[in-house]
């Protein structure tokens, strides 16, 4: 079959256009693979923290026009939070959002929020300080001590309270002599000891057996954790909702990865993170409320001390604060600044 010159010309032109479009596609693909952002967290897929980070990742990929490839790994698929700081430092992962209780061993000033100063404080009181000047100072110290970038405001887990098996606690005086499981920490130990309790460190997997055998009579944790672990099956029947401390998660990024980004992309990460924080905090609060309702439905009785009692016993626990500050290695000037901001 003969092909006319005009047809040949059209075929050559078509081939040239296709080669250009394929070349453009190749460039786009190269741009899409410019940055790899691996995010690690140990919470499961259904956790409000996990869901917020997943939303952040999806939005970031879209907003960056594919220049940042986000690979999100939950349920400790890459690392447990206790190991993720080392993984960040070695470049095995670019981002993590560990609980603040994982960081104070590296950055003592993160332990500020565990002090008796914060006992019985509402979420709003915590936000006023943590999202302000003092919170920024703590985040900057995380950055300098760990060699990371703190992306923005911290995500919420919520308040930790006290839970008991056989003895209802209706007032602080009822805590005297009770053996209470704590996860560890100088501040947890000193705060509960100041209330007359006997705090004991028990590994979480050993807790159900310790409760059933009466080795401990209560536990420091959250409504959501009691619900997920179904601790009523191991004898938990009472709660004292005293807002022992307010737990959060810290968004940290590998410094080398951060510095490799253009200022435009750095700002994009910050803006995209900021978009998810308020919704996550609302979701975390709702999750704790739903968990509280579930505990009530299972017959757990919840006692709520009034604001005057919380303030009175906060003052009692704060008498131990100078010793706690020394043991934890906190910056006294930072604590003083936090106290001034909290009391004003």
C-alpha atoms as a PDB file:
ATOM      1  CA  UNK A   1       0.000   0.000   0.000  1.00  0.00           C
ATOM      2  CA  UNK A   2       1.328   3.379  -0.972  1.00  0.00           C
ATOM      3  CA  UNK A   3       1.243   6.202   1.505  1.00  0.00           C
ATOM      4  CA  UNK A   4       0.957   9.754   0.230  1.00  0.00           C
ATOM      5  CA  UNK A   5       3.491  12.425   1.186  1.00  0.00           C
ATOM      6  CA  UNK A   6       0.810  14.325   3.112  1.00  0.00           C
ATOM      7  CA  UNK A   7      -0.078  11.209   5.075  1.00  0.00           C
ATOM      8  CA  UNK A   8       3.584  10.539   5.823  1.00  0.00           C
ATOM      9  CA  UNK A   9       3.942  14.117   7.029  1.00  0.00           C
ATOM     10  CA  UNK A  10       0.948  13.752   9.307  1.00  0.00           C
ATOM     11  CA  UNK A  11       2.413  10.518  10.720  1.00  0.00           C
ATOM     12  CA  UNK A  12       5.763  12.190  11.365  1.00  0.00           C
ATOM     13  CA  UNK A  13       4.046  15.116  13.075  1.00  0.00           C
ATOM     14  CA  UNK A  14       1.899  12.762  15.170  1.00  0.00           C
ATOM     15  CA  UNK A  15       4.974  10.798  16.194  1.00  0.00           C
ATOM     16  CA  UNK A  16       6.737  14.030  17.179  1.00  0.00           C
ATOM     17  CA  UNK A  17       3.760  15.197  19.277  1.00  0.00           C
ATOM     18  CA  UNK A  18       3.538  11.810  20.995  1.00  0.00           C
ATOM     19  CA  UNK A  19       7.247  11.887  21.803  1.00  0.00           C
ATOM     20  CA  UNK A  20       6.830  15.328  23.329  1.00  0.00           C
ATOM     21  CA  UNK A  21       3.856  14.239  25.449  1.00  0.00           C
ATOM     22  CA  UNK A  22       5.696  11.108  26.577  1.00  0.00           C
ATOM     23  CA  UNK A  23       8.701  13.232  27.466  1.00  0.00           C
ATOM     24  CA  UNK A  24       6.480  15.570  29.459  1.00  0.00           C
ATOM     25  CA  UNK A  25       4.984  12.590  31.217  1.00  0.00           C
ATOM     26  CA  UNK A  26       8.458  11.359  32.097  1.00  0.00           C
ATOM     27  CA  UNK A  27       9.392  14.719  33.612  1.00  0.00           C
ATOM     28  CA  UNK A  28       6.190  14.758  35.645  1.00  0.00           C
ATOM     29  CA  UNK A  29       6.936  11.302  36.963  1.00  0.00           C
ATOM     30  CA  UNK A  30      10.420  12.397  37.938  1.00  0.00           C
ATOM     31  CA  UNK A  31       9.003  15.428  39.702  1.00  0.00           C
ATOM     32  CA  UNK A  32       6.456  13.245  41.499  1.00  0.00           C
ATOM     33  CA  UNK A  33       9.252  11.116  42.926  1.00  0.00           C
ATOM     34  CA  UNK A  34      11.322  14.099  44.029  1.00  0.00           C
ATOM     35  CA  UNK A  35      10.676  13.603  47.772  1.00  0.00           C
ATOM     36  CA  UNK A  36       9.774  10.513  49.784  1.00  0.00           C
ATOM     37  CA  UNK A  37       8.079  11.161  53.132  1.00  0.00           C
ATOM     38  CA  UNK A  38       7.779   7.998  55.225  1.00  0.00           C
ATOM     39  CA  UNK A  39       5.628   8.493  58.320  1.00  0.00           C
ATOM     40  CA  UNK A  40       5.625   6.043  61.220  1.00  0.00           C
ATOM     41  CA  UNK A  41       3.181   5.739  64.119  1.00  0.00           C
ATOM     42  CA  UNK A  42       2.354   2.848  66.417  1.00  0.00           C
ATOM     43  CA  UNK A  43      -1.376   3.481  66.894  1.00  0.00           C
ATOM     44  CA  UNK A  44      -3.828   1.304  64.982  1.00  0.00           C
ATOM     45  CA  UNK A  45      -5.789   2.315  61.899  1.00  0.00           C
ATOM     46  CA  UNK A  46      -8.930   3.261  63.836  1.00  0.00           C
ATOM     47  CA  UNK A  47      -7.202   5.592  66.308  1.00  0.00           C
ATOM     48  CA  UNK A  48      -8.042   9.307  66.023  1.00  0.00           C
ATOM     49  CA  UNK A  49      -4.329  10.159  65.856  1.00  0.00           C
ATOM     50  CA  UNK A  50      -3.756   7.695  63.014  1.00  0.00           C
ATOM     51  CA  UNK A  51      -6.752   8.951  61.055  1.00  0.00           C
ATOM     52  CA  UNK A  52      -5.571  12.565  61.308  1.00  0.00           C
ATOM     53  CA  UNK A  53      -2.070  11.710  60.106  1.00  0.00           C
ATOM     54  CA  UNK A  54      -3.519   9.748  57.203  1.00  0.00           C
ATOM     55  CA  UNK A  55      -5.622  12.784  56.205  1.00  0.00           C
ATOM     56  CA  UNK A  56      -2.516  14.948  56.424  1.00  0.00           C
ATOM     57  CA  UNK A  57      -0.628  12.598  54.107  1.00  0.00           C
ATOM     58  CA  UNK A  58      -3.381  12.510  51.484  1.00  0.00           C
ATOM     59  CA  UNK A  59      -3.800  16.273  51.501  1.00  0.00           C
ATOM     60  CA  UNK A  60      -0.061  16.853  51.297  1.00  0.00           C
ATOM     61  CA  UNK A  61       0.365  14.626  48.255  1.00  0.00           C
ATOM     62  CA  UNK A  62      -2.480  16.442  46.534  1.00  0.00           C
ATOM     63  CA  UNK A  63      -1.363  19.938  47.518  1.00  0.00           C
ATOM     64  CA  UNK A  64       2.222  19.248  46.406  1.00  0.00           C
ATOM     65  CA  UNK A  65       0.984  18.065  42.992  1.00  0.00           C
ATOM     66  CA  UNK A  66       2.648  14.723  43.640  1.00  0.00           C
ATOM     67  CA  UNK A  67       6.097  16.162  44.315  1.00  0.00           C
ATOM     68  CA  UNK A  68       5.985  14.584  47.784  1.00  0.00           C
ATOM     69  CA  UNK A  69       5.304  10.855  47.878  1.00  0.00           C
ATOM     70  CA  UNK A  70       3.809  10.110  51.318  1.00  0.00           C
ATOM     71  CA  UNK A  71       4.071   6.556  52.610  1.00  0.00           C
ATOM     72  CA  UNK A  72       2.192   6.221  55.894  1.00  0.00           C
ATOM     73  CA  UNK A  73       2.772   3.205  58.147  1.00  0.00           C
ATOM     74  CA  UNK A  74       0.566   2.782  61.231  1.00  0.00           C
ATOM     75  CA  UNK A  75       0.305   0.000  63.855  1.00  0.00           C
ATOM     76  CA  UNK A  76       4.104   0.022  64.403  1.00  0.00           C
ATOM     77  CA  UNK A  77       4.607  -1.500  60.943  1.00  0.00           C
ATOM     78  CA  UNK A  78       7.944   0.325  60.762  1.00  0.00           C
ATOM     79  CA  UNK A  79       8.846   1.249  64.345  1.00  0.00           C
ATOM     80  CA  UNK A  80       7.392   1.450  67.811  1.00  0.00           C
ATOM     81  CA  UNK A  81       7.311   5.003  69.119  1.00  0.00           C
ATOM     82  CA  UNK A  82       9.975   4.215  71.719  1.00  0.00           C
ATOM     83  CA  UNK A  83      12.371   3.358  68.850  1.00  0.00           C
ATOM     84  CA  UNK A  84      11.343   5.960  66.311  1.00  0.00           C
ATOM     85  CA  UNK A  85      13.658   8.758  67.510  1.00  0.00           C
ATOM     86  CA  UNK A  86      16.691   6.659  66.614  1.00  0.00           C
ATOM     87  CA  UNK A  87      15.063   5.785  63.286  1.00  0.00           C
ATOM     88  CA  UNK A  88      14.526   9.484  62.536  1.00  0.00           C
ATOM     89  CA  UNK A  89      18.128  10.323  63.388  1.00  0.00           C
ATOM     90  CA  UNK A  90      19.461   7.592  61.093  1.00  0.00           C
ATOM     91  CA  UNK A  91      17.168   8.556  58.216  1.00  0.00           C
ATOM     92  CA  UNK A  92      15.178   5.309  58.214  1.00  0.00           C
ATOM     93  CA  UNK A  93      11.982   7.342  58.420  1.00  0.00           C
ATOM     94  CA  UNK A  94      11.272  11.008  57.673  1.00  0.00           C
ATOM     95  CA  UNK A  95       8.415  11.755  60.100  1.00  0.00           C
ATOM     96  CA  UNK A  96       6.910  10.420  63.311  1.00  0.00           C
ATOM     97  CA  UNK A  97       4.278  11.604  65.809  1.00  0.00           C
ATOM     98  CA  UNK A  98       5.210   9.956  69.135  1.00  0.00           C
ATOM     99  CA  UNK A  99       3.514  10.609  72.445  1.00  0.00           C
ATOM    100  CA  UNK A 100       5.148  13.284  74.551  1.00  0.00           C
ATOM    101  CA  UNK A 101       5.858  10.610  77.192  1.00  0.00           C
ATOM    102  CA  UNK A 102       8.376   9.111  74.748  1.00  0.00           C
ATOM    103  CA  UNK A 103      10.402  12.320  74.505  1.00  0.00           C
ATOM    104  CA  UNK A 104      11.177  13.530  78.026  1.00  0.00           C
ATOM    105  CA  UNK A 105      14.004  10.997  78.397  1.00  0.00           C
ATOM    106  CA  UNK A 106      15.743  12.795  75.510  1.00  0.00           C
ATOM    107  CA  UNK A 107      14.404  16.304  76.099  1.00  0.00           C
ATOM    108  CA  UNK A 108      13.710  16.781  79.825  1.00  0.00           C
ATOM    109  CA  UNK A 109      11.756  20.004  79.275  1.00  0.00           C
ATOM    110  CA  UNK A 110       8.957  18.049  77.547  1.00  0.00           C
ATOM    111  CA  UNK A 111       8.245  16.726  81.052  1.00  0.00           C
ATOM    112  CA  UNK A 112       7.112  20.235  81.989  1.00  0.00           C
ATOM    113  CA  UNK A 113       3.521  19.256  81.178  1.00  0.00           C
ATOM    114  CA  UNK A 114       3.588  16.388  83.682  1.00  0.00           C
ATOM    115  CA  UNK A 115       4.284  18.678  86.652  1.00  0.00           C
ATOM    116  CA  UNK A 116       1.683  19.167  89.399  1.00  0.00           C
ATOM    117  CA  UNK A 117       1.301  22.708  87.992  1.00  0.00           C
ATOM    118  CA  UNK A 118      -0.875  21.120  85.294  1.00  0.00           C
ATOM    119  CA  UNK A 119      -2.855  18.787  87.565  1.00  0.00           C
ATOM    120  CA  UNK A 120      -6.612  19.208  87.180  1.00  0.00           C
ATOM    121  CA  UNK A 121      -6.287  21.689  84.306  1.00  0.00           C
ATOM    122  CA  UNK A 122      -8.801  21.690  81.476  1.00  0.00           C
ATOM    123  CA  UNK A 123      -7.880  21.147  77.830  1.00  0.00           C
ATOM    124  CA  UNK A 124      -8.450  24.852  77.181  1.00  0.00           C
ATOM    125  CA  UNK A 125      -6.027  25.826  79.948  1.00  0.00           C
ATOM    126  CA  UNK A 126      -3.444  23.472  78.477  1.00  0.00           C
ATOM    127  CA  UNK A 127      -3.920  24.871  74.974  1.00  0.00           C
ATOM    128  CA  UNK A 128      -3.502  28.438  76.200  1.00  0.00           C
ATOM    129  CA  UNK A 129      -0.005  27.615  77.352  1.00  0.00           C
ATOM    130  CA  UNK A 130       1.063  24.857  74.966  1.00  0.00           C
ATOM    131  CA  UNK A 131      -0.015  26.716  71.821  1.00  0.00           C
ATOM    132  CA  UNK A 132       1.639  29.925  73.011  1.00  0.00           C
ATOM    133  CA  UNK A 133       5.099  31.189  73.899  1.00  0.00           C
ATOM    134  CA  UNK A 134       5.928  28.453  76.418  1.00  0.00           C
ATOM    135  CA  UNK A 135       4.832  25.723  74.041  1.00  0.00           C
ATOM    136  CA  UNK A 136       6.974  27.226  71.294  1.00  0.00           C
ATOM    137  CA  UNK A 137       9.974  27.219  73.610  1.00  0.00           C
ATOM    138  CA  UNK A 138       9.438  23.526  74.406  1.00  0.00           C
ATOM    139  CA  UNK A 139       9.128  22.685  70.700  1.00  0.00           C
ATOM    140  CA  UNK A 140      12.327  24.605  69.901  1.00  0.00           C
ATOM    141  CA  UNK A 141      14.156  22.595  72.562  1.00  0.00           C
ATOM    142  CA  UNK A 142      12.871  19.370  71.048  1.00  0.00           C
ATOM    143  CA  UNK A 143      14.323  20.556  67.742  1.00  0.00           C
ATOM    144  CA  UNK A 144      17.715  21.541  69.130  1.00  0.00           C
ATOM    145  CA  UNK A 145      18.153  18.499  71.392  1.00  0.00           C
ATOM    146  CA  UNK A 146      17.001  15.898  68.859  1.00  0.00           C
ATOM    147  CA  UNK A 147      18.057  17.536  65.606  1.00  0.00           C
ATOM    148  CA  UNK A 148      14.519  17.487  64.197  1.00  0.00           C
ATOM    149  CA  UNK A 149      11.860  19.927  63.042  1.00  0.00           C
ATOM    150  CA  UNK A 150       8.590  20.205  65.000  1.00  0.00           C
ATOM    151  CA  UNK A 151       5.986  20.672  62.300  1.00  0.00           C
ATOM    152  CA  UNK A 152       3.375  22.565  64.317  1.00  0.00           C
ATOM    153  CA  UNK A 153       0.830  22.237  67.091  1.00  0.00           C
ATOM    154  CA  UNK A 154       0.625  18.920  68.887  1.00  0.00           C
ATOM    155  CA  UNK A 155      -2.201  16.394  68.497  1.00  0.00           C
ATOM    156  CA  UNK A 156      -4.327  15.199  71.422  1.00  0.00           C
ATOM    157  CA  UNK A 157      -4.810  11.939  73.228  1.00  0.00           C
ATOM    158  CA  UNK A 158      -6.616  13.522  76.159  1.00  0.00           C
ATOM    159  CA  UNK A 159      -6.726  13.517  79.941  1.00  0.00           C
ATOM    160  CA  UNK A 160      -5.439  10.694  82.093  1.00  0.00           C
ATOM    161  CA  UNK A 161      -7.543   9.827  85.155  1.00  0.00           C
ATOM    162  CA  UNK A 162      -7.589   7.189  87.899  1.00  0.00           C
ATOM    163  CA  UNK A 163      -9.500   3.887  87.831  1.00  0.00           C
ATOM    164  CA  UNK A 164     -10.104   1.396  90.651  1.00  0.00           C
ATOM    165  CA  UNK A 165     -11.318  -2.118  91.304  1.00  0.00           C
ATOM    166  CA  UNK A 166     -12.870  -2.625  94.755  1.00  0.00           C
ATOM    167  CA  UNK A 167     -12.759   0.772  96.453  1.00  0.00           C
ATOM    168  CA  UNK A 168     -14.659   3.804  95.133  1.00  0.00           C
ATOM    169  CA  UNK A 169     -12.746   7.068  95.408  1.00  0.00           C
ATOM    170  CA  UNK A 170     -15.082   9.980  95.990  1.00  0.00           C
ATOM    171  CA  UNK A 171     -12.523  12.476  97.267  1.00  0.00           C
ATOM    172  CA  UNK A 172      -8.758  12.818  97.308  1.00  0.00           C
ATOM    173  CA  UNK A 173      -8.487  11.593 100.884  1.00  0.00           C
ATOM    174  CA  UNK A 174      -9.742   8.191  99.694  1.00  0.00           C
ATOM    175  CA  UNK A 175      -6.520   7.689  97.725  1.00  0.00           C
ATOM    176  CA  UNK A 176      -4.501   7.128 100.893  1.00  0.00           C
ATOM    177  CA  UNK A 177      -2.703   3.779 100.813  1.00  0.00           C
ATOM    178  CA  UNK A 178      -4.086   2.640  97.457  1.00  0.00           C
ATOM    179  CA  UNK A 179      -1.632   0.762  95.212  1.00  0.00           C
ATOM    180  CA  UNK A 180      -1.911   2.351  91.771  1.00  0.00           C
ATOM    181  CA  UNK A 181      -0.274   1.252  88.557  1.00  0.00           C
ATOM    182  CA  UNK A 182       1.615   3.967  86.694  1.00  0.00           C
ATOM    183  CA  UNK A 183       3.567   3.642  83.421  1.00  0.00           C
ATOM    184  CA  UNK A 184       6.574   5.277  85.067  1.00  0.00           C
ATOM    185  CA  UNK A 185       7.855   8.817  85.362  1.00  0.00           C
ATOM    186  CA  UNK A 186       9.109  10.903  88.249  1.00  0.00           C
ATOM    187  CA  UNK A 187       6.154  13.313  88.056  1.00  0.00           C
ATOM    188  CA  UNK A 188       3.526  10.545  88.124  1.00  0.00           C
ATOM    189  CA  UNK A 189       5.257   8.960  91.092  1.00  0.00           C
ATOM    190  CA  UNK A 190       5.587  12.177  93.080  1.00  0.00           C
ATOM    191  CA  UNK A 191       2.103  13.513  92.307  1.00  0.00           C
ATOM    192  CA  UNK A 192       0.276  10.394  93.457  1.00  0.00           C
ATOM    193  CA  UNK A 193       2.560   9.933  96.443  1.00  0.00           C
ATOM    194  CA  UNK A 194       1.686  13.499  97.486  1.00  0.00           C
ATOM    195  CA  UNK A 195      -1.963  12.406  97.484  1.00  0.00           C
ATOM    196  CA  UNK A 196      -1.104   9.528  99.828  1.00  0.00           C
ATOM    197  CA  UNK A 197      -1.304   6.759  97.209  1.00  0.00           C
ATOM    198  CA  UNK A 198       1.301   4.045  96.601  1.00  0.00           C
ATOM    199  CA  UNK A 199       2.266   4.304  92.904  1.00  0.00           C
ATOM    200  CA  UNK A 200       3.878   1.222  91.344  1.00  0.00           C
ATOM    201  CA  UNK A 201       5.381   0.736  87.890  1.00  0.00           C
ATOM    202  CA  UNK A 202       3.746  -2.232  86.142  1.00  0.00           C
ATOM    203  CA  UNK A 203       4.248  -3.147  82.481  1.00  0.00           C
ATOM    204  CA  UNK A 204       1.029  -2.766  80.514  1.00  0.00           C
ATOM    205  CA  UNK A 205       0.818  -6.430  79.423  1.00  0.00           C
ATOM    206  CA  UNK A 206       1.044  -7.450  83.101  1.00  0.00           C
ATOM    207  CA  UNK A 207      -1.695  -5.099  84.278  1.00  0.00           C
ATOM    208  CA  UNK A 208      -4.781  -7.347  83.902  1.00  0.00           C
ATOM    209  CA  UNK A 209      -3.142 -10.072  85.971  1.00  0.00           C
ATOM    210  CA  UNK A 210      -1.985  -7.530  88.573  1.00  0.00           C
ATOM    211  CA  UNK A 211      -5.528  -6.170  88.880  1.00  0.00           C
ATOM    212  CA  UNK A 212      -7.112  -9.615  89.173  1.00  0.00           C
ATOM    213  CA  UNK A 213      -4.635 -10.696  91.855  1.00  0.00           C
ATOM    214  CA  UNK A 214      -4.954  -7.466  93.807  1.00  0.00           C
ATOM    215  CA  UNK A 215      -1.282  -6.565  93.342  1.00  0.00           C
ATOM    216  CA  UNK A 216      -2.573  -3.131  92.359  1.00  0.00           C
ATOM    217  CA  UNK A 217      -5.954  -1.626  93.182  1.00  0.00           C
ATOM    218  CA  UNK A 218      -6.096   0.937  90.454  1.00  0.00           C
ATOM    219  CA  UNK A 219      -4.470   2.371  87.354  1.00  0.00           C
ATOM    220  CA  UNK A 220      -3.527   5.740  85.864  1.00  0.00           C
ATOM    221  CA  UNK A 221      -4.702   5.862  82.238  1.00  0.00           C
ATOM    222  CA  UNK A 222      -7.435   7.302  79.961  1.00  0.00           C
ATOM    223  CA  UNK A 223     -11.102   6.502  79.344  1.00  0.00           C
ATOM    224  CA  UNK A 224     -10.274   5.412  75.798  1.00  0.00           C
ATOM    225  CA  UNK A 225      -7.548   3.041  76.985  1.00  0.00           C
ATOM    226  CA  UNK A 226      -9.829   1.457  79.592  1.00  0.00           C
ATOM    227  CA  UNK A 227     -12.444   0.927  76.897  1.00  0.00           C
ATOM    228  CA  UNK A 228     -10.051  -0.526  74.316  1.00  0.00           C
ATOM    229  CA  UNK A 229      -8.520  -2.877  76.912  1.00  0.00           C
ATOM    230  CA  UNK A 230     -11.952  -3.710  78.393  1.00  0.00           C
ATOM    231  CA  UNK A 231     -10.507  -3.358  81.884  1.00  0.00           C
ATOM    232  CA  UNK A 232     -13.924  -3.864  83.447  1.00  0.00           C
ATOM    233  CA  UNK A 233     -13.347  -7.538  82.643  1.00  0.00           C
ATOM    234  CA  UNK A 234     -10.419  -7.499  85.078  1.00  0.00           C
ATOM    235  CA  UNK A 235     -12.301  -5.760  87.849  1.00  0.00           C
ATOM    236  CA  UNK A 236     -12.256  -2.005  87.136  1.00  0.00           C
ATOM    237  CA  UNK A 237     -15.496  -0.640  88.605  1.00  0.00           C
ATOM    238  CA  UNK A 238     -14.788   2.956  89.581  1.00  0.00           C
ATOM    239  CA  UNK A 239     -13.161   6.092  88.121  1.00  0.00           C
ATOM    240  CA  UNK A 240     -11.954   9.319  89.698  1.00  0.00           C
ATOM    241  CA  UNK A 241     -12.011  11.863  86.870  1.00  0.00           C
ATOM    242  CA  UNK A 242      -9.372  14.251  88.188  1.00  0.00           C
ATOM    243  CA  UNK A 243      -7.438  15.191  85.022  1.00  0.00           C
ATOM    244  CA  UNK A 244      -4.018  13.990  86.230  1.00  0.00           C
ATOM    245  CA  UNK A 245      -2.323  15.286  83.079  1.00  0.00           C
ATOM    246  CA  UNK A 246      -3.158  16.058  79.446  1.00  0.00           C
ATOM    247  CA  UNK A 247      -1.419  13.801  76.914  1.00  0.00           C
ATOM    248  CA  UNK A 248      -0.456  14.862  73.393  1.00  0.00           C
ATOM    249  CA  UNK A 249       1.510  13.648  70.356  1.00  0.00           C
ATOM    250  CA  UNK A 250       4.435  15.589  68.873  1.00  0.00           C
ATOM    251  CA  UNK A 251       4.883  15.908  65.046  1.00  0.00           C
ATOM    252  CA  UNK A 252       8.613  15.685  64.310  1.00  0.00           C
ATOM    253  CA  UNK A 253      10.490  15.552  60.999  1.00  0.00           C
ATOM    254  CA  UNK A 254      14.029  14.449  60.143  1.00  0.00           C
ATOM    255  CA  UNK A 255      16.152  17.612  59.865  1.00  0.00           C
ATOM    256  CA  UNK A 256      18.008  16.502  56.718  1.00  0.00           C
ATOM    257  CA  UNK A 257      14.730  15.853  54.925  1.00  0.00           C
ATOM    258  CA  UNK A 258      13.339  19.185  56.108  1.00  0.00           C
ATOM    259  CA  UNK A 259      16.365  21.150  54.914  1.00  0.00           C
ATOM    260  CA  UNK A 260      16.190  19.442  51.513  1.00  0.00           C
ATOM    261  CA  UNK A 261      12.769  21.014  50.908  1.00  0.00           C
ATOM    262  CA  UNK A 262      12.311  24.390  49.302  1.00  0.00           C
ATOM    263  CA  UNK A 263      10.835  27.148  51.519  1.00  0.00           C
ATOM    264  CA  UNK A 264       7.638  26.775  49.505  1.00  0.00           C
ATOM    265  CA  UNK A 265       7.326  23.067  50.309  1.00  0.00           C
ATOM    266  CA  UNK A 266       8.279  23.619  53.950  1.00  0.00           C
ATOM    267  CA  UNK A 267       5.434  26.097  54.282  1.00  0.00           C
ATOM    268  CA  UNK A 268       3.116  23.698  52.479  1.00  0.00           C
ATOM    269  CA  UNK A 269       3.867  21.013  55.075  1.00  0.00           C
ATOM    270  CA  UNK A 270       3.194  23.436  57.925  1.00  0.00           C
ATOM    271  CA  UNK A 271      -0.045  24.695  56.384  1.00  0.00           C
ATOM    272  CA  UNK A 272      -1.302  21.200  55.604  1.00  0.00           C
ATOM    273  CA  UNK A 273      -0.512  20.014  59.128  1.00  0.00           C
ATOM    274  CA  UNK A 274      -2.330  23.004  60.609  1.00  0.00           C
ATOM    275  CA  UNK A 275      -5.429  22.049  58.603  1.00  0.00           C
ATOM    276  CA  UNK A 276      -5.817  18.751  60.483  1.00  0.00           C
ATOM    277  CA  UNK A 277      -5.014  19.788  64.068  1.00  0.00           C
ATOM    278  CA  UNK A 278      -8.322  21.298  65.207  1.00  0.00           C
ATOM    279  CA  UNK A 279     -10.394  18.483  63.702  1.00  0.00           C
ATOM    280  CA  UNK A 280      -8.135  15.892  65.343  1.00  0.00           C
ATOM    281  CA  UNK A 281      -8.434  17.568  68.715  1.00  0.00           C
ATOM    282  CA  UNK A 282     -12.219  17.586  68.417  1.00  0.00           C
ATOM    283  CA  UNK A 283     -12.186  13.928  67.383  1.00  0.00           C
ATOM    284  CA  UNK A 284      -9.937  12.997  70.326  1.00  0.00           C
ATOM    285  CA  UNK A 285     -12.247  14.775  72.774  1.00  0.00           C
ATOM    286  CA  UNK A 286     -15.259  13.006  71.281  1.00  0.00           C
ATOM    287  CA  UNK A 287     -13.467   9.650  71.460  1.00  0.00           C
ATOM    288  CA  UNK A 288     -12.829  10.159  75.178  1.00  0.00           C
ATOM    289  CA  UNK A 289     -16.474  11.148  75.715  1.00  0.00           C
ATOM    290  CA  UNK A 290     -17.656   8.078  73.803  1.00  0.00           C
ATOM    291  CA  UNK A 291     -15.311   5.915  75.885  1.00  0.00           C
ATOM    292  CA  UNK A 292     -16.656   7.469  79.083  1.00  0.00           C
ATOM    293  CA  UNK A 293     -20.195   6.631  77.989  1.00  0.00           C
ATOM    294  CA  UNK A 294     -19.097   3.060  77.252  1.00  0.00           C
ATOM    295  CA  UNK A 295     -17.609   2.736  80.744  1.00  0.00           C
ATOM    296  CA  UNK A 296     -20.829   3.983  82.294  1.00  0.00           C
ATOM    297  CA  UNK A 297     -22.769   1.490  80.206  1.00  0.00           C
ATOM    298  CA  UNK A 298     -20.547  -1.297  81.594  1.00  0.00           C
ATOM    299  CA  UNK A 299     -21.353  -0.245  85.134  1.00  0.00           C
ATOM    300  CA  UNK A 300     -18.208   1.746  85.892  1.00  0.00           C
ATOM    301  CA  UNK A 301     -19.091   4.569  88.299  1.00  0.00           C
ATOM    302  CA  UNK A 302     -17.393   7.891  87.547  1.00  0.00           C
ATOM    303  CA  UNK A 303     -16.721  10.378  90.357  1.00  0.00           C
ATOM    304  CA  UNK A 304     -15.864  13.981  89.392  1.00  0.00           C
ATOM    305  CA  UNK A 305     -14.081  16.208  91.942  1.00  0.00           C
ATOM    306  CA  UNK A 306     -15.047  19.869  91.837  1.00  0.00           C
ATOM    307  CA  UNK A 307     -12.724  22.680  90.764  1.00  0.00           C
ATOM    308  CA  UNK A 308     -12.055  23.776  94.352  1.00  0.00           C
ATOM    309  CA  UNK A 309     -10.856  20.294  95.340  1.00  0.00           C
ATOM    310  CA  UNK A 310      -8.616  20.089  92.284  1.00  0.00           C
ATOM    311  CA  UNK A 311      -7.048  23.460  93.073  1.00  0.00           C
ATOM    312  CA  UNK A 312      -6.531  22.482  96.724  1.00  0.00           C
ATOM    313  CA  UNK A 313      -4.793  19.223  95.909  1.00  0.00           C
ATOM    314  CA  UNK A 314      -2.815  20.777  93.081  1.00  0.00           C
ATOM    315  CA  UNK A 315      -1.323  23.067  95.719  1.00  0.00           C
ATOM    316  CA  UNK A 316      -0.539  20.018  97.879  1.00  0.00           C
ATOM    317  CA  UNK A 317       1.262  18.247  95.021  1.00  0.00           C
ATOM    318  CA  UNK A 318       3.129  21.407  94.014  1.00  0.00           C
ATOM    319  CA  UNK A 319       4.983  21.302  97.303  1.00  0.00           C
ATOM    320  CA  UNK A 320       6.920  18.414  95.718  1.00  0.00           C
ATOM    321  CA  UNK A 321       7.626  20.360  92.549  1.00  0.00           C
ATOM    322  CA  UNK A 322      11.157  21.621  93.362  1.00  0.00           C
ATOM    323  CA  UNK A 323      12.296  18.040  93.940  1.00  0.00           C
ATOM    324  CA  UNK A 324      10.552  16.839  90.767  1.00  0.00           C
ATOM    325  CA  UNK A 325      12.186  19.594  88.724  1.00  0.00           C
ATOM    326  CA  UNK A 326      15.644  18.611  89.954  1.00  0.00           C
ATOM    327  CA  UNK A 327      15.095  14.897  89.360  1.00  0.00           C
ATOM    328  CA  UNK A 328      13.710  15.425  85.856  1.00  0.00           C
ATOM    329  CA  UNK A 329      16.369  17.958  84.883  1.00  0.00           C
ATOM    330  CA  UNK A 330      13.842  20.624  83.912  1.00  0.00           C
ATOM    331  CA  UNK A 331      14.868  24.207  83.262  1.00  0.00           C
ATOM    332  CA  UNK A 332      13.663  26.159  86.347  1.00  0.00           C
ATOM    333  CA  UNK A 333      13.321  29.350  84.290  1.00  0.00           C
ATOM    334  CA  UNK A 334      10.990  27.562  81.872  1.00  0.00           C
ATOM    335  CA  UNK A 335       8.895  26.234  84.761  1.00  0.00           C
ATOM    336  CA  UNK A 336       8.673  29.746  86.242  1.00  0.00           C
ATOM    337  CA  UNK A 337       7.553  31.158  82.889  1.00  0.00           C
ATOM    338  CA  UNK A 338       4.916  28.407  82.591  1.00  0.00           C
ATOM    339  CA  UNK A 339       3.640  29.059  86.118  1.00  0.00           C
ATOM    340  CA  UNK A 340       3.298  32.777  85.428  1.00  0.00           C
ATOM    341  CA  UNK A 341       1.459  32.131  82.173  1.00  0.00           C
ATOM    342  CA  UNK A 342      -0.852  29.537  83.751  1.00  0.00           C
ATOM    343  CA  UNK A 343      -1.765  31.633  86.747  1.00  0.00           C
ATOM    344  CA  UNK A 344      -2.382  34.883  84.820  1.00  0.00           C
END
